[in-house]
């Protein structure tokens, strides 16, 4: 019995040590930084169209700092828009797209209607089921050229 207890204690200590060893050294994104073709247009898109708050700007950089209350985003003006390389998700290493959550299907549909009217927005596809559902998403390019996905993932029913 003593040996069984000792083995259980050793196993527990080993599992605890393994869990600590495998613990992530990070705790989430601090912010995402995107380079844009037109800082003013992209800043207006996030503030006026999406309702984000402008938390600061750096005219010398130039950059805008934005938040939706949950996450932070930094937008940087590309040095020369005329010579900037356009985004190519299939051939360039780096950001494929930024996915942003919306609270429901109705809000996703309303957002789609709103972004359709924004100058410089390119709609890749309207709201549709993602991989057969139940999640629904849409993909656009904001005026600065970055690819954004908006998605709602409803809670899965408990089994």
N, C-alpha and C. Protein backbone atom coordinates (compact mmCIF):
# COMPACT_ATOMS: atom_id res chain seq x y z
N UNK A 1 0.83 -1.18 0.00
CA UNK A 1 0.00 0.00 0.00
C UNK A 1 0.88 1.25 0.00
N UNK A 2 1.99 1.19 0.79
CA UNK A 2 2.92 2.29 0.83
C UNK A 2 3.49 2.57 -0.56
N UNK A 3 3.84 1.50 -1.28
CA UNK A 3 4.40 1.65 -2.63
C UNK A 3 3.37 2.25 -3.58
N UNK A 4 2.10 1.86 -3.46
CA UNK A 4 1.05 2.41 -4.32
C UNK A 4 0.88 3.89 -4.06
N UNK A 5 0.87 4.28 -2.77
CA UNK A 5 0.74 5.69 -2.41
C UNK A 5 1.94 6.49 -2.94
N UNK A 6 3.12 5.94 -2.78
CA UNK A 6 4.33 6.60 -3.26
C UNK A 6 4.28 6.77 -4.78
N UNK A 7 3.83 5.73 -5.49
CA UNK A 7 3.71 5.80 -6.95
C UNK A 7 2.70 6.87 -7.37
N UNK A 8 1.57 6.95 -6.67
CA UNK A 8 0.56 7.97 -6.97
C UNK A 8 1.12 9.37 -6.75
N UNK A 9 1.86 9.56 -5.66
CA UNK A 9 2.48 10.86 -5.38
C UNK A 9 3.48 11.23 -6.47
N UNK A 10 4.30 10.29 -6.87
CA UNK A 10 5.28 10.55 -7.93
C UNK A 10 4.59 10.87 -9.26
N UNK A 11 3.54 10.13 -9.57
CA UNK A 11 2.79 10.38 -10.80
C UNK A 11 2.15 11.76 -10.78
N UNK A 12 1.56 12.14 -9.66
CA UNK A 12 0.95 13.46 -9.53
C UNK A 12 2.01 14.55 -9.69
N UNK A 13 3.14 14.39 -9.04
CA UNK A 13 4.23 15.37 -9.17
C UNK A 13 4.73 15.46 -10.60
N UNK A 14 4.86 14.32 -11.27
CA UNK A 14 5.32 14.28 -12.66
C UNK A 14 4.32 15.00 -13.56
N UNK A 15 3.02 14.70 -13.39
CA UNK A 15 1.99 15.35 -14.22
C UNK A 15 1.94 16.85 -13.97
N UNK A 16 2.09 17.28 -12.73
CA UNK A 16 2.11 18.70 -12.41
C UNK A 16 3.32 19.37 -13.05
N UNK A 17 4.47 18.74 -12.96
CA UNK A 17 5.68 19.28 -13.57
C UNK A 17 5.54 19.36 -15.09
N UNK A 18 4.93 18.36 -15.69
CA UNK A 18 4.72 18.36 -17.14
C UNK A 18 3.77 19.47 -17.54
N UNK A 19 2.71 19.68 -16.76
CA UNK A 19 1.75 20.73 -17.06
C UNK A 19 2.42 22.10 -16.98
N UNK A 20 3.26 22.32 -15.97
CA UNK A 20 3.99 23.57 -15.84
C UNK A 20 4.98 23.74 -16.98
N UNK A 21 5.64 22.65 -17.39
CA UNK A 21 6.61 22.70 -18.47
C UNK A 21 5.93 23.06 -19.79
N UNK A 22 4.71 22.60 -20.00
CA UNK A 22 3.98 22.83 -21.25
C UNK A 22 3.12 24.08 -21.21
N UNK A 23 3.14 24.83 -20.13
CA UNK A 23 2.34 26.04 -20.00
C UNK A 23 2.84 27.09 -20.98
N UNK A 24 1.89 27.75 -21.66
CA UNK A 24 2.27 28.80 -22.60
C UNK A 24 3.00 29.92 -21.89
N UNK A 25 3.97 30.48 -22.55
CA UNK A 25 4.73 31.59 -22.00
C UNK A 25 4.12 32.93 -22.34
N UNK A 26 2.99 32.92 -23.07
CA UNK A 26 2.31 34.14 -23.47
C UNK A 26 0.88 34.13 -22.95
N UNK A 27 0.21 35.28 -23.04
CA UNK A 27 -1.15 35.36 -22.51
C UNK A 27 -2.09 36.12 -23.45
N UNK A 28 -1.94 35.98 -24.74
CA UNK A 28 -2.83 36.62 -25.70
C UNK A 28 -2.11 37.71 -26.49
N UNK A 29 -2.79 38.21 -27.50
CA UNK A 29 -2.22 39.27 -28.32
C UNK A 29 -2.27 40.59 -27.57
N UNK A 30 -1.20 41.37 -27.67
CA UNK A 30 -1.18 42.72 -27.12
C UNK A 30 -1.85 43.67 -28.10
N UNK A 31 -1.47 43.58 -29.35
CA UNK A 31 -2.11 44.34 -30.42
C UNK A 31 -1.69 43.73 -31.76
N UNK A 32 -2.40 44.12 -32.79
CA UNK A 32 -2.03 43.73 -34.15
C UNK A 32 -1.67 45.01 -34.88
N UNK A 33 -0.60 44.98 -35.65
CA UNK A 33 -0.18 46.13 -36.43
C UNK A 33 -0.33 45.85 -37.91
N UNK A 34 -0.98 46.76 -38.62
CA UNK A 34 -1.19 46.62 -40.05
C UNK A 34 -0.65 47.85 -40.78
N UNK A 35 0.04 47.63 -41.87
CA UNK A 35 0.47 48.72 -42.73
C UNK A 35 -0.63 48.95 -43.76
N UNK A 36 -0.97 50.22 -43.99
CA UNK A 36 -2.08 50.56 -44.89
C UNK A 36 -1.64 51.55 -45.96
N UNK A 37 -2.37 51.54 -47.08
CA UNK A 37 -2.06 52.46 -48.17
C UNK A 37 -2.45 53.89 -47.85
N UNK A 38 -3.57 54.07 -47.15
CA UNK A 38 -4.08 55.41 -46.83
C UNK A 38 -4.51 55.41 -45.36
N UNK A 39 -3.70 55.98 -44.50
CA UNK A 39 -3.95 55.95 -43.06
C UNK A 39 -5.28 56.61 -42.70
N UNK A 40 -5.60 57.74 -43.33
CA UNK A 40 -6.86 58.43 -43.01
C UNK A 40 -8.07 57.58 -43.38
N UNK A 41 -8.06 56.99 -44.59
CA UNK A 41 -9.19 56.16 -45.01
C UNK A 41 -9.35 54.94 -44.12
N UNK A 42 -8.25 54.28 -43.78
CA UNK A 42 -8.33 53.09 -42.94
C UNK A 42 -8.76 53.46 -41.52
N UNK A 43 -8.26 54.56 -41.00
CA UNK A 43 -8.67 55.01 -39.66
C UNK A 43 -10.16 55.30 -39.65
N UNK A 44 -10.65 56.00 -40.68
CA UNK A 44 -12.10 56.28 -40.77
C UNK A 44 -12.91 55.00 -40.88
N UNK A 45 -12.40 54.01 -41.63
CA UNK A 45 -13.12 52.74 -41.76
C UNK A 45 -13.32 52.10 -40.39
N UNK A 46 -12.24 52.01 -39.61
CA UNK A 46 -12.35 51.36 -38.31
C UNK A 46 -13.17 52.18 -37.32
N UNK A 47 -13.07 53.52 -37.38
CA UNK A 47 -13.81 54.33 -36.41
C UNK A 47 -15.26 54.56 -36.84
N UNK A 48 -15.48 55.05 -38.04
CA UNK A 48 -16.85 55.37 -38.46
C UNK A 48 -17.66 54.15 -38.89
N UNK A 49 -17.04 53.25 -39.62
CA UNK A 49 -17.79 52.09 -40.11
C UNK A 49 -17.95 51.03 -39.02
N UNK A 50 -16.86 50.70 -38.33
CA UNK A 50 -16.92 49.63 -37.33
C UNK A 50 -17.19 50.13 -35.92
N UNK A 51 -17.09 51.44 -35.69
CA UNK A 51 -17.38 51.98 -34.37
C UNK A 51 -16.25 51.86 -33.35
N UNK A 52 -15.02 51.63 -33.83
CA UNK A 52 -13.88 51.53 -32.92
C UNK A 52 -13.54 52.94 -32.42
N UNK A 53 -12.78 52.99 -31.33
CA UNK A 53 -12.34 54.26 -30.75
C UNK A 53 -10.88 54.51 -31.12
N UNK A 54 -10.60 55.76 -31.48
CA UNK A 54 -9.23 56.18 -31.75
C UNK A 54 -8.60 56.49 -30.39
N UNK A 55 -7.57 55.75 -30.02
CA UNK A 55 -6.96 55.97 -28.71
C UNK A 55 -5.68 56.79 -28.80
N UNK A 56 -5.23 57.10 -30.00
CA UNK A 56 -4.05 57.94 -30.16
C UNK A 56 -3.54 57.92 -31.59
N UNK A 57 -2.66 58.86 -31.88
CA UNK A 57 -2.03 58.94 -33.18
C UNK A 57 -0.60 59.41 -33.02
N UNK A 58 0.23 59.08 -33.98
CA UNK A 58 1.61 59.55 -34.01
C UNK A 58 1.85 60.10 -35.41
N UNK A 59 1.71 61.42 -35.58
CA UNK A 59 1.86 62.00 -36.93
C UNK A 59 3.27 61.87 -37.49
N UNK A 60 4.28 61.70 -36.63
CA UNK A 60 5.66 61.57 -37.11
C UNK A 60 5.93 60.19 -37.69
N UNK A 61 5.17 59.19 -37.24
CA UNK A 61 5.46 57.81 -37.68
C UNK A 61 4.97 57.53 -39.09
N UNK A 62 3.86 57.85 -39.62
CA UNK A 62 2.57 58.15 -39.00
C UNK A 62 1.78 56.86 -38.69
N UNK A 63 1.01 56.93 -37.60
CA UNK A 63 0.26 55.76 -37.14
C UNK A 63 -1.00 56.19 -36.40
N UNK A 64 -2.00 55.30 -36.41
CA UNK A 64 -3.21 55.45 -35.62
C UNK A 64 -3.34 54.25 -34.71
N UNK A 65 -3.79 54.49 -33.48
CA UNK A 65 -3.96 53.43 -32.49
C UNK A 65 -5.44 53.33 -32.17
N UNK A 66 -6.02 52.15 -32.37
CA UNK A 66 -7.47 51.96 -32.28
C UNK A 66 -7.82 50.80 -31.36
N UNK A 67 -9.06 50.83 -30.84
CA UNK A 67 -9.54 49.72 -30.03
C UNK A 67 -11.04 49.55 -30.22
N UNK A 68 -11.47 48.30 -30.13
CA UNK A 68 -12.91 48.01 -30.11
C UNK A 68 -13.37 47.73 -28.68
N UNK A 69 -12.51 47.97 -27.71
CA UNK A 69 -12.81 47.72 -26.32
C UNK A 69 -12.28 46.37 -25.85
N UNK A 70 -11.95 45.50 -26.78
CA UNK A 70 -11.42 44.17 -26.46
C UNK A 70 -9.99 44.01 -26.96
N UNK A 71 -9.73 44.51 -28.15
CA UNK A 71 -8.40 44.35 -28.73
C UNK A 71 -7.92 45.69 -29.28
N UNK A 72 -6.61 45.77 -29.45
CA UNK A 72 -6.00 46.99 -29.98
C UNK A 72 -5.41 46.72 -31.36
N UNK A 73 -5.44 47.76 -32.18
CA UNK A 73 -4.94 47.68 -33.54
C UNK A 73 -4.11 48.94 -33.81
N UNK A 74 -2.96 48.74 -34.42
CA UNK A 74 -2.14 49.87 -34.86
C UNK A 74 -2.12 49.87 -36.37
N UNK A 75 -2.40 51.03 -36.96
CA UNK A 75 -2.34 51.20 -38.41
C UNK A 75 -1.16 52.10 -38.72
N UNK A 76 -0.31 51.67 -39.65
CA UNK A 76 0.83 52.46 -40.07
C UNK A 76 0.67 52.83 -41.53
N UNK A 77 1.01 54.05 -41.86
CA UNK A 77 0.98 54.52 -43.25
C UNK A 77 2.19 53.97 -43.98
N UNK A 78 1.97 53.32 -45.13
CA UNK A 78 3.07 52.86 -45.95
C UNK A 78 3.83 54.10 -46.45
N UNK A 79 5.15 53.98 -46.61
CA UNK A 79 5.97 55.13 -46.98
C UNK A 79 5.58 55.70 -48.34
N UNK A 80 5.43 54.83 -49.35
CA UNK A 80 5.11 55.30 -50.70
C UNK A 80 4.00 54.43 -51.28
N UNK A 81 2.74 54.86 -51.20
CA UNK A 81 1.63 54.05 -51.70
C UNK A 81 1.78 53.64 -53.16
N UNK A 82 2.40 54.48 -53.99
CA UNK A 82 2.53 54.17 -55.41
C UNK A 82 3.44 52.97 -55.66
N UNK A 83 4.44 52.78 -54.81
CA UNK A 83 5.36 51.66 -55.04
C UNK A 83 5.15 50.51 -54.05
N UNK A 84 4.13 50.60 -53.22
CA UNK A 84 3.88 49.56 -52.23
C UNK A 84 3.48 48.25 -52.91
N UNK A 85 3.99 47.15 -52.38
CA UNK A 85 3.62 45.84 -52.90
C UNK A 85 2.25 45.48 -52.35
N UNK A 86 1.35 45.08 -53.22
CA UNK A 86 0.00 44.71 -52.80
C UNK A 86 0.01 43.36 -52.11
N UNK A 87 -0.95 43.16 -51.24
CA UNK A 87 -1.11 41.92 -50.49
C UNK A 87 -1.35 40.75 -51.44
N UNK A 88 -0.68 39.64 -51.20
CA UNK A 88 -0.86 38.43 -52.00
C UNK A 88 -0.81 37.24 -51.05
N UNK A 89 -1.98 36.81 -50.59
CA UNK A 89 -2.06 35.77 -49.56
C UNK A 89 -1.54 34.42 -50.02
N UNK A 90 -1.45 34.20 -51.33
CA UNK A 90 -1.01 32.90 -51.83
C UNK A 90 0.49 32.82 -52.08
N UNK A 91 1.17 33.98 -52.14
CA UNK A 91 2.59 33.97 -52.49
C UNK A 91 3.50 34.67 -51.50
N UNK A 92 2.94 35.39 -50.54
CA UNK A 92 3.79 36.10 -49.57
C UNK A 92 3.62 35.50 -48.19
N UNK A 93 4.71 35.41 -47.47
CA UNK A 93 4.66 34.98 -46.08
C UNK A 93 4.17 36.17 -45.26
N UNK A 94 3.32 35.91 -44.28
CA UNK A 94 2.83 36.97 -43.42
C UNK A 94 1.35 36.84 -43.19
N UNK A 95 0.75 37.92 -42.86
CA UNK A 95 -0.66 37.94 -42.50
C UNK A 95 -1.53 37.48 -43.67
N UNK A 96 -2.34 36.47 -43.44
CA UNK A 96 -3.30 35.98 -44.43
C UNK A 96 -4.57 36.81 -44.34
N UNK A 97 -5.05 37.01 -43.12
CA UNK A 97 -6.19 37.88 -42.85
C UNK A 97 -6.32 38.06 -41.35
N UNK A 98 -7.06 39.07 -40.95
CA UNK A 98 -7.36 39.31 -39.55
C UNK A 98 -8.84 38.99 -39.37
N UNK A 99 -9.17 38.06 -38.47
CA UNK A 99 -10.56 37.67 -38.23
C UNK A 99 -11.08 38.39 -36.99
N UNK A 100 -12.23 39.03 -37.14
CA UNK A 100 -12.83 39.82 -36.08
C UNK A 100 -14.21 39.25 -35.77
N UNK A 101 -14.49 39.02 -34.50
CA UNK A 101 -15.78 38.45 -34.09
C UNK A 101 -16.87 39.51 -34.09
N UNK A 102 -18.07 39.09 -34.44
CA UNK A 102 -19.27 39.91 -34.28
C UNK A 102 -20.23 39.12 -33.39
N UNK A 103 -21.10 39.82 -32.64
CA UNK A 103 -21.91 39.14 -31.63
C UNK A 103 -23.04 38.25 -32.15
N UNK A 104 -23.45 38.40 -33.41
CA UNK A 104 -24.56 37.58 -33.89
C UNK A 104 -24.70 37.63 -35.40
N UNK A 105 -25.59 36.79 -35.92
CA UNK A 105 -25.83 36.74 -37.37
C UNK A 105 -26.45 38.04 -37.88
N UNK A 106 -27.38 38.62 -37.12
CA UNK A 106 -28.02 39.87 -37.53
C UNK A 106 -26.98 40.99 -37.64
N UNK A 107 -26.06 41.04 -36.69
CA UNK A 107 -25.00 42.06 -36.72
C UNK A 107 -24.06 41.84 -37.89
N UNK A 108 -23.78 40.59 -38.24
CA UNK A 108 -22.94 40.29 -39.39
C UNK A 108 -23.61 40.78 -40.67
N UNK A 109 -24.89 40.50 -40.80
CA UNK A 109 -25.63 40.95 -41.99
C UNK A 109 -25.70 42.48 -42.05
N UNK A 110 -25.92 43.13 -40.90
CA UNK A 110 -25.97 44.60 -40.87
C UNK A 110 -24.61 45.19 -41.22
N UNK A 111 -23.54 44.57 -40.74
CA UNK A 111 -22.19 45.04 -41.06
C UNK A 111 -21.94 44.91 -42.56
N UNK A 112 -22.36 43.83 -43.15
CA UNK A 112 -22.21 43.64 -44.59
C UNK A 112 -22.89 44.78 -45.35
N UNK A 113 -24.12 45.10 -44.96
CA UNK A 113 -24.85 46.18 -45.63
C UNK A 113 -24.11 47.51 -45.49
N UNK A 114 -23.51 47.72 -44.33
CA UNK A 114 -22.80 48.98 -44.08
C UNK A 114 -21.51 49.06 -44.89
N UNK A 115 -20.72 47.98 -44.92
CA UNK A 115 -19.42 48.05 -45.62
C UNK A 115 -19.59 48.10 -47.13
N UNK A 116 -20.71 47.63 -47.65
CA UNK A 116 -20.94 47.70 -49.11
C UNK A 116 -20.91 49.13 -49.61
N UNK A 117 -21.27 50.08 -48.73
CA UNK A 117 -21.36 51.48 -49.14
C UNK A 117 -20.08 52.27 -48.87
N UNK A 118 -19.06 51.64 -48.32
CA UNK A 118 -17.83 52.35 -47.96
C UNK A 118 -16.87 52.39 -49.15
N UNK A 119 -16.47 53.60 -49.51
CA UNK A 119 -15.53 53.79 -50.62
C UNK A 119 -14.21 53.10 -50.30
N UNK A 120 -13.72 52.30 -51.22
CA UNK A 120 -12.44 51.63 -51.07
C UNK A 120 -12.53 50.22 -50.50
N UNK A 121 -13.70 49.82 -50.01
CA UNK A 121 -13.86 48.45 -49.49
C UNK A 121 -14.10 47.51 -50.67
N UNK A 122 -13.39 46.39 -50.68
CA UNK A 122 -13.60 45.34 -51.68
C UNK A 122 -14.20 44.15 -50.95
N UNK A 123 -15.35 43.69 -51.40
CA UNK A 123 -16.00 42.55 -50.77
C UNK A 123 -15.58 41.28 -51.51
N UNK A 124 -14.91 40.38 -50.80
CA UNK A 124 -14.54 39.09 -51.39
C UNK A 124 -15.74 38.16 -51.44
N UNK A 125 -16.46 38.07 -50.32
CA UNK A 125 -17.73 37.34 -50.32
C UNK A 125 -18.61 37.83 -49.19
N UNK A 126 -19.92 37.77 -49.46
CA UNK A 126 -20.95 38.19 -48.51
C UNK A 126 -21.07 37.15 -47.39
N UNK A 127 -21.81 37.46 -46.33
CA UNK A 127 -21.97 36.47 -45.26
C UNK A 127 -22.47 35.13 -45.78
N UNK A 128 -21.78 34.08 -45.35
CA UNK A 128 -22.12 32.72 -45.74
C UNK A 128 -21.69 31.77 -44.63
N UNK A 129 -22.24 30.56 -44.68
CA UNK A 129 -21.85 29.55 -43.70
C UNK A 129 -20.38 29.20 -43.90
N UNK A 130 -19.68 29.03 -42.81
CA UNK A 130 -18.28 28.63 -42.86
C UNK A 130 -18.20 27.12 -42.71
N UNK A 131 -17.66 26.46 -43.70
CA UNK A 131 -17.49 25.00 -43.68
C UNK A 131 -18.78 24.27 -43.32
N UNK A 132 -19.89 24.73 -43.87
CA UNK A 132 -21.17 24.07 -43.65
C UNK A 132 -21.90 24.49 -42.39
N UNK A 133 -21.35 25.42 -41.62
CA UNK A 133 -22.03 25.95 -40.44
C UNK A 133 -21.67 25.21 -39.18
N UNK A 134 -22.15 25.66 -38.06
CA UNK A 134 -23.14 26.71 -37.89
C UNK A 134 -22.56 28.11 -37.92
N UNK A 135 -21.21 28.26 -37.96
CA UNK A 135 -20.60 29.58 -38.02
C UNK A 135 -20.87 30.22 -39.37
N UNK A 136 -20.88 31.54 -39.36
CA UNK A 136 -21.11 32.31 -40.58
C UNK A 136 -20.05 33.40 -40.64
N UNK A 137 -19.57 33.70 -41.84
CA UNK A 137 -18.51 34.71 -41.98
C UNK A 137 -18.59 35.41 -43.31
N UNK A 138 -17.83 36.51 -43.43
CA UNK A 138 -17.66 37.22 -44.70
C UNK A 138 -16.22 37.72 -44.75
N UNK A 139 -15.76 38.02 -45.96
CA UNK A 139 -14.38 38.47 -46.14
C UNK A 139 -14.38 39.74 -46.98
N UNK A 140 -13.61 40.73 -46.52
CA UNK A 140 -13.47 41.99 -47.27
C UNK A 140 -12.02 42.42 -47.26
N UNK A 141 -11.75 43.47 -48.02
CA UNK A 141 -10.48 44.20 -47.90
C UNK A 141 -10.86 45.62 -47.50
N UNK A 142 -10.29 46.08 -46.40
CA UNK A 142 -10.57 47.44 -45.95
C UNK A 142 -9.87 48.42 -46.89
N UNK A 143 -10.20 49.72 -46.82
CA UNK A 143 -9.63 50.67 -47.78
C UNK A 143 -8.10 50.70 -47.85
N UNK A 144 -7.43 50.27 -46.80
CA UNK A 144 -5.97 50.25 -46.80
C UNK A 144 -5.38 49.01 -47.43
N UNK A 145 -6.24 48.08 -47.88
CA UNK A 145 -5.77 46.90 -48.60
C UNK A 145 -5.67 45.63 -47.77
N UNK A 146 -5.91 45.69 -46.46
CA UNK A 146 -5.79 44.50 -45.63
C UNK A 146 -7.06 43.66 -45.68
N UNK A 147 -6.85 42.37 -45.67
CA UNK A 147 -7.94 41.40 -45.75
C UNK A 147 -8.50 41.16 -44.35
N UNK A 148 -9.81 41.38 -44.19
CA UNK A 148 -10.49 41.21 -42.91
C UNK A 148 -11.62 40.21 -43.04
N UNK A 149 -11.71 39.33 -42.08
CA UNK A 149 -12.84 38.40 -41.99
C UNK A 149 -13.66 38.83 -40.79
N UNK A 150 -14.98 38.82 -40.95
CA UNK A 150 -15.90 39.06 -39.85
C UNK A 150 -16.70 37.79 -39.67
N UNK A 151 -16.78 37.30 -38.43
CA UNK A 151 -17.39 35.99 -38.20
C UNK A 151 -18.20 35.97 -36.92
N UNK A 152 -19.25 35.15 -36.95
CA UNK A 152 -19.99 34.83 -35.73
C UNK A 152 -19.98 33.32 -35.57
N UNK A 153 -19.53 32.89 -34.39
CA UNK A 153 -19.50 31.47 -34.06
C UNK A 153 -20.48 31.24 -32.93
N UNK A 154 -21.69 30.73 -33.24
CA UNK A 154 -22.67 30.52 -32.17
C UNK A 154 -22.21 29.43 -31.22
N UNK A 155 -22.66 29.51 -29.98
CA UNK A 155 -22.29 28.44 -29.03
C UNK A 155 -22.78 27.09 -29.54
N UNK A 156 -21.96 26.09 -29.40
CA UNK A 156 -22.34 24.73 -29.82
C UNK A 156 -23.25 24.12 -28.75
N UNK A 157 -24.28 23.42 -29.19
CA UNK A 157 -25.16 22.78 -28.20
C UNK A 157 -24.39 21.71 -27.42
N UNK A 158 -24.69 21.65 -26.13
CA UNK A 158 -24.04 20.64 -25.28
C UNK A 158 -24.65 19.28 -25.57
N UNK A 159 -23.78 18.28 -25.58
CA UNK A 159 -24.24 16.91 -25.88
C UNK A 159 -24.63 16.19 -24.62
